[in-house]
Amino acid sequence: MKVLAFHIGPDRYGLPLGSIVRVLPLLQLKQLPLTPHYVAGLMDLHGVHVPVIDLSRLAGLAPAAAQFDTRIVVVDYQADDGSSRALGLMASRVRGIEELDQARLADSGVHSAPFLGQVASSAEGTLQLVELQQLLPPDVRALLFPAGGAA
């Protein structure tokens, strides 16, 4: 399985390439008042307004630093109504594509955050998968992707 490898704080994580629409440089975001602290803002992607989540803040860490390798990873996210919506994930230290041997994936044994999935070890260290559908709690999904909203 091919994944896009990046960091949340000091640790490596990955997203399966099949869920990624595009990877963009860090963009200026419109702030969204009264949203959870990990909602970094809203970006305009060719006329489509896309909410952006700061993965570092979601994990309880300091905000993602604006560095040369900080990216916004746009993914297809399944909204509660079954539609596919664009969601931006602000990720630090994006390292590129890695091949992950699925046979080496195992349960981490620790379930501290529902969006953290299986882990695999390699020469580069341990990498943990991010489970997109577990990323947002129901109330935040409803806030960012209201029923009847544009797909």
C-alpha atoms as a PDB file:
ATOM      1  CA  MET A   1       0.000   0.000   0.000  1.00  0.00           C
ATOM      2  CA  LYS A   2       1.312   3.448  -0.883  1.00  0.00           C
ATOM      3  CA  VAL A   3       0.903   6.190   1.712  1.00  0.00           C
ATOM      4  CA  LEU A   4       1.758   9.850   1.988  1.00  0.00           C
ATOM      5  CA  ALA A   5       4.080  10.107   5.006  1.00  0.00           C
ATOM      6  CA  PHE A   6       4.079  13.171   7.255  1.00  0.00           C
ATOM      7  CA  HIS A   7       4.533  14.136  10.895  1.00  0.00           C
ATOM      8  CA  ILE A   8       2.250  15.114  13.715  1.00  0.00           C
ATOM      9  CA  GLY A   9       4.708  16.481  16.243  1.00  0.00           C
ATOM     10  CA  PRO A  10       7.725  14.172  16.335  1.00  0.00           C
ATOM     11  CA  ASP A  11       5.870  11.064  15.108  1.00  0.00           C
ATOM     12  CA  ARG A  12       5.311   9.687  11.598  1.00  0.00           C
ATOM     13  CA  TYR A  13       1.861   9.103  10.176  1.00  0.00           C
ATOM     14  CA  GLY A  14       0.459   8.128   6.822  1.00  0.00           C
ATOM     15  CA  LEU A  15      -2.611   8.473   4.642  1.00  0.00           C
ATOM     16  CA  PRO A  16      -3.381   5.917   1.924  1.00  0.00           C
ATOM     17  CA  LEU A  17      -2.885   7.519  -1.492  1.00  0.00           C
ATOM     18  CA  GLY A  18      -6.342   6.399  -2.628  1.00  0.00           C
ATOM     19  CA  SER A  19      -8.010   8.925  -0.331  1.00  0.00           C
ATOM     20  CA  ILE A  20      -5.848  11.888  -1.387  1.00  0.00           C
ATOM     21  CA  VAL A  21      -7.116  14.306  -4.037  1.00  0.00           C
ATOM     22  CA  ARG A  22      -4.113  16.643  -4.061  1.00  0.00           C
ATOM     23  CA  VAL A  23      -1.327  18.070  -1.951  1.00  0.00           C
ATOM     24  CA  LEU A  24      -1.015  21.852  -1.800  1.00  0.00           C
ATOM     25  CA  PRO A  25       1.456  24.264  -0.270  1.00  0.00           C
ATOM     26  CA  LEU A  26       0.325  26.056   2.855  1.00  0.00           C
ATOM     27  CA  LEU A  27      -2.299  28.628   1.848  1.00  0.00           C
ATOM     28  CA  GLN A  28      -3.846  31.646   3.503  1.00  0.00           C
ATOM     29  CA  LEU A  29      -6.984  30.462   5.287  1.00  0.00           C
ATOM     30  CA  LYS A  30     -10.131  32.337   6.245  1.00  0.00           C
ATOM     31  CA  GLN A  31     -10.665  31.931   9.969  1.00  0.00           C
ATOM     32  CA  LEU A  32     -13.908  30.315  11.136  1.00  0.00           C
ATOM     33  CA  PRO A  33     -15.061  31.759  14.469  1.00  0.00           C
ATOM     34  CA  LEU A  34     -16.788  29.504  16.991  1.00  0.00           C
ATOM     35  CA  THR A  35     -15.344  26.287  15.575  1.00  0.00           C
ATOM     36  CA  PRO A  36     -13.186  23.806  17.509  1.00  0.00           C
ATOM     37  CA  HIS A  37      -9.575  24.921  17.998  1.00  0.00           C
ATOM     38  CA  TYR A  38      -8.284  22.355  15.494  1.00  0.00           C
ATOM     39  CA  VAL A  39     -10.316  23.791  12.608  1.00  0.00           C
ATOM     40  CA  ALA A  40      -7.579  25.895  10.999  1.00  0.00           C
ATOM     41  CA  GLY A  41      -9.927  27.706   8.629  1.00  0.00           C
ATOM     42  CA  LEU A  42     -11.456  27.659   5.189  1.00  0.00           C
ATOM     43  CA  MET A  43      -9.618  27.644   1.877  1.00  0.00           C
ATOM     44  CA  ASP A  44     -10.841  28.452  -1.607  1.00  0.00           C
ATOM     45  CA  LEU A  45     -10.027  25.593  -3.983  1.00  0.00           C
ATOM     46  CA  HIS A  46     -11.033  26.747  -7.460  1.00  0.00           C
ATOM     47  CA  GLY A  47     -14.253  28.291  -6.165  1.00  0.00           C
ATOM     48  CA  VAL A  48     -15.053  25.481  -3.713  1.00  0.00           C
ATOM     49  CA  HIS A  49     -14.787  26.347  -0.023  1.00  0.00           C
ATOM     50  CA  VAL A  50     -12.926  23.597   1.799  1.00  0.00           C
ATOM     51  CA  PRO A  51     -12.567  23.356   5.598  1.00  0.00           C
ATOM     52  CA  VAL A  52      -9.039  22.663   6.831  1.00  0.00           C
ATOM     53  CA  ILE A  53      -8.153  20.708   9.981  1.00  0.00           C
ATOM     54  CA  ASP A  54      -4.801  21.227  11.715  1.00  0.00           C
ATOM     55  CA  LEU A  55      -3.735  17.660  12.512  1.00  0.00           C
ATOM     56  CA  SER A  56      -1.261  18.821  15.151  1.00  0.00           C
ATOM     57  CA  ARG A  57      -3.946  20.684  17.087  1.00  0.00           C
ATOM     58  CA  LEU A  58      -6.367  17.780  16.666  1.00  0.00           C
ATOM     59  CA  ALA A  59      -3.757  15.584  18.345  1.00  0.00           C
ATOM     60  CA  GLY A  60      -3.486  18.003  21.274  1.00  0.00           C
ATOM     61  CA  LEU A  61      -0.157  19.521  20.215  1.00  0.00           C
ATOM     62  CA  ALA A  62       0.926  23.040  19.241  1.00  0.00           C
ATOM     63  CA  PRO A  63      -0.365  24.281  15.863  1.00  0.00           C
ATOM     64  CA  ALA A  64       1.429  23.048  12.759  1.00  0.00           C
ATOM     65  CA  ALA A  65       4.373  25.341  12.051  1.00  0.00           C
ATOM     66  CA  ALA A  66       4.358  27.264   8.783  1.00  0.00           C
ATOM     67  CA  GLN A  67       7.471  25.652   7.286  1.00  0.00           C
ATOM     68  CA  PHE A  68       8.569  24.858   3.741  1.00  0.00           C
ATOM     69  CA  ASP A  69       7.360  21.260   4.098  1.00  0.00           C
ATOM     70  CA  THR A  70       3.988  22.003   5.748  1.00  0.00           C
ATOM     71  CA  ARG A  71       1.226  21.101   3.319  1.00  0.00           C
ATOM     72  CA  ILE A  72      -2.519  20.990   3.014  1.00  0.00           C
ATOM     73  CA  VAL A  73      -3.533  17.498   1.973  1.00  0.00           C
ATOM     74  CA  VAL A  74      -6.955  17.546   0.330  1.00  0.00           C
ATOM     75  CA  VAL A  75      -8.831  14.292   0.848  1.00  0.00           C
ATOM     76  CA  ASP A  76     -12.211  12.861  -0.111  1.00  0.00           C
ATOM     77  CA  TYR A  77     -14.220  12.742   3.087  1.00  0.00           C
ATOM     78  CA  GLN A  78     -17.517  10.891   3.421  1.00  0.00           C
ATOM     79  CA  ALA A  79     -20.101  13.209   4.982  1.00  0.00           C
ATOM     80  CA  ASP A  80     -22.949  11.847   7.096  1.00  0.00           C
ATOM     81  CA  ASP A  81     -25.330  12.087   4.137  1.00  0.00           C
ATOM     82  CA  GLY A  82     -23.067   9.740   2.143  1.00  0.00           C
ATOM     83  CA  SER A  83     -21.723  12.433  -0.166  1.00  0.00           C
ATOM     84  CA  SER A  84     -18.033  12.861  -0.812  1.00  0.00           C
ATOM     85  CA  ARG A  85     -16.691  16.221   0.367  1.00  0.00           C
ATOM     86  CA  ALA A  86     -13.279  17.842   0.130  1.00  0.00           C
ATOM     87  CA  LEU A  87     -11.497  18.237   3.461  1.00  0.00           C
ATOM     88  CA  GLY A  88      -8.082  19.821   3.933  1.00  0.00           C
ATOM     89  CA  LEU A  89      -5.627  18.376   6.435  1.00  0.00           C
ATOM     90  CA  MET A  90      -2.745  20.604   7.499  1.00  0.00           C
ATOM     91  CA  ALA A  91       0.247  18.304   7.891  1.00  0.00           C
ATOM     92  CA  SER A  92       3.793  19.113   8.987  1.00  0.00           C
ATOM     93  CA  ARG A  93       7.008  17.748   7.547  1.00  0.00           C
ATOM     94  CA  VAL A  94       5.379  16.022   4.589  1.00  0.00           C
ATOM     95  CA  ARG A  95       7.984  13.503   3.473  1.00  0.00           C
ATOM     96  CA  GLY A  96       6.426  12.052   0.343  1.00  0.00           C
ATOM     97  CA  ILE A  97       5.165   8.692  -0.773  1.00  0.00           C
ATOM     98  CA  GLU A  98       6.244   5.489   0.955  1.00  0.00           C
ATOM     99  CA  GLU A  99       5.458   1.864   0.231  1.00  0.00           C
ATOM    100  CA  LEU A 100       3.942   0.202   3.287  1.00  0.00           C
ATOM    101  CA  ASP A 101       3.861  -3.577   3.541  1.00  0.00           C
ATOM    102  CA  GLN A 102       0.282  -4.350   4.589  1.00  0.00           C
ATOM    103  CA  ALA A 103       1.416  -7.632   6.117  1.00  0.00           C
ATOM    104  CA  ARG A 104       3.429  -5.604   8.655  1.00  0.00           C
ATOM    105  CA  LEU A 105       0.434  -3.541   9.793  1.00  0.00           C
ATOM    106  CA  ALA A 106      -0.734  -4.302  13.319  1.00  0.00           C
ATOM    107  CA  ASP A 107      -3.048  -2.856  15.912  1.00  0.00           C
ATOM    108  CA  SER A 108      -1.175  -0.340  18.067  1.00  0.00           C
ATOM    109  CA  GLY A 109      -2.734  -1.718  21.245  1.00  0.00           C
ATOM    110  CA  VAL A 110      -3.429   1.850  22.388  1.00  0.00           C
ATOM    111  CA  HIS A 111      -6.689   3.543  21.465  1.00  0.00           C
ATOM    112  CA  SER A 112      -6.087   7.085  22.676  1.00  0.00           C
ATOM    113  CA  ALA A 113      -7.611   8.755  19.618  1.00  0.00           C
ATOM    114  CA  PRO A 114     -10.215   7.186  17.329  1.00  0.00           C
ATOM    115  CA  PHE A 115      -8.547   8.563  14.190  1.00  0.00           C
ATOM    116  CA  LEU A 116      -5.275   6.724  14.816  1.00  0.00           C
ATOM    117  CA  GLY A 117      -5.167   3.370  13.083  1.00  0.00           C
ATOM    118  CA  GLN A 118      -2.740   0.536  12.579  1.00  0.00           C
ATOM    119  CA  VAL A 119       1.030   0.846  12.849  1.00  0.00           C
ATOM    120  CA  ALA A 120       3.945  -0.574  10.904  1.00  0.00           C
ATOM    121  CA  SER A 121       7.679  -0.434  11.536  1.00  0.00           C
ATOM    122  CA  SER A 122      10.354   0.014   8.903  1.00  0.00           C
ATOM    123  CA  ALA A 123      13.910   1.278   8.613  1.00  0.00           C
ATOM    124  CA  GLU A 124      12.517   4.828   8.801  1.00  0.00           C
ATOM    125  CA  GLY A 125      10.763   4.082  12.109  1.00  0.00           C
ATOM    126  CA  THR A 126       7.182   3.471  13.156  1.00  0.00           C
ATOM    127  CA  LEU A 127       4.398   4.883  10.984  1.00  0.00           C
ATOM    128  CA  GLN A 128       0.759   5.020  12.076  1.00  0.00           C
ATOM    129  CA  LEU A 129      -2.155   5.283   9.667  1.00  0.00           C
ATOM    130  CA  VAL A 130      -4.731   8.056  10.016  1.00  0.00           C
ATOM    131  CA  GLU A 131      -8.300   6.769   9.699  1.00  0.00           C
ATOM    132  CA  LEU A 132     -10.157   9.484   7.799  1.00  0.00           C
ATOM    133  CA  GLN A 133     -13.658   8.398   8.703  1.00  0.00           C
ATOM    134  CA  GLN A 134     -12.778   8.533  12.407  1.00  0.00           C
ATOM    135  CA  LEU A 135     -11.110  11.936  12.153  1.00  0.00           C
ATOM    136  CA  LEU A 136     -14.052  14.162  13.076  1.00  0.00           C
ATOM    137  CA  PRO A 137     -16.622  13.639  15.827  1.00  0.00           C
ATOM    138  CA  PRO A 138     -20.276  13.749  14.686  1.00  0.00           C
ATOM    139  CA  ASP A 139     -20.910  17.307  15.913  1.00  0.00           C
ATOM    140  CA  VAL A 140     -17.909  18.669  13.978  1.00  0.00           C
ATOM    141  CA  ARG A 141     -18.899  16.726  10.841  1.00  0.00           C
ATOM    142  CA  ALA A 142     -22.358  18.309  11.068  1.00  0.00           C
ATOM    143  CA  LEU A 143     -20.795  21.758  11.555  1.00  0.00           C
ATOM    144  CA  LEU A 144     -18.393  21.508   8.614  1.00  0.00           C
ATOM    145  CA  PHE A 145     -20.629  19.486   6.280  1.00  0.00           C
ATOM    146  CA  PRO A 146     -24.256  20.412   7.004  1.00  0.00           C
ATOM    147  CA  ALA A 147     -26.936  18.193   5.432  1.00  0.00           C
ATOM    148  CA  GLY A 148     -27.911  19.452   2.005  1.00  0.00           C
ATOM    149  CA  GLY A 149     -24.632  21.331   1.550  1.00  0.00           C
ATOM    150  CA  ALA A 150     -22.772  21.415  -1.751  1.00  0.00           C
ATOM    151  CA  ALA A 151     -20.697  18.365  -2.604  1.00  0.00           C
END
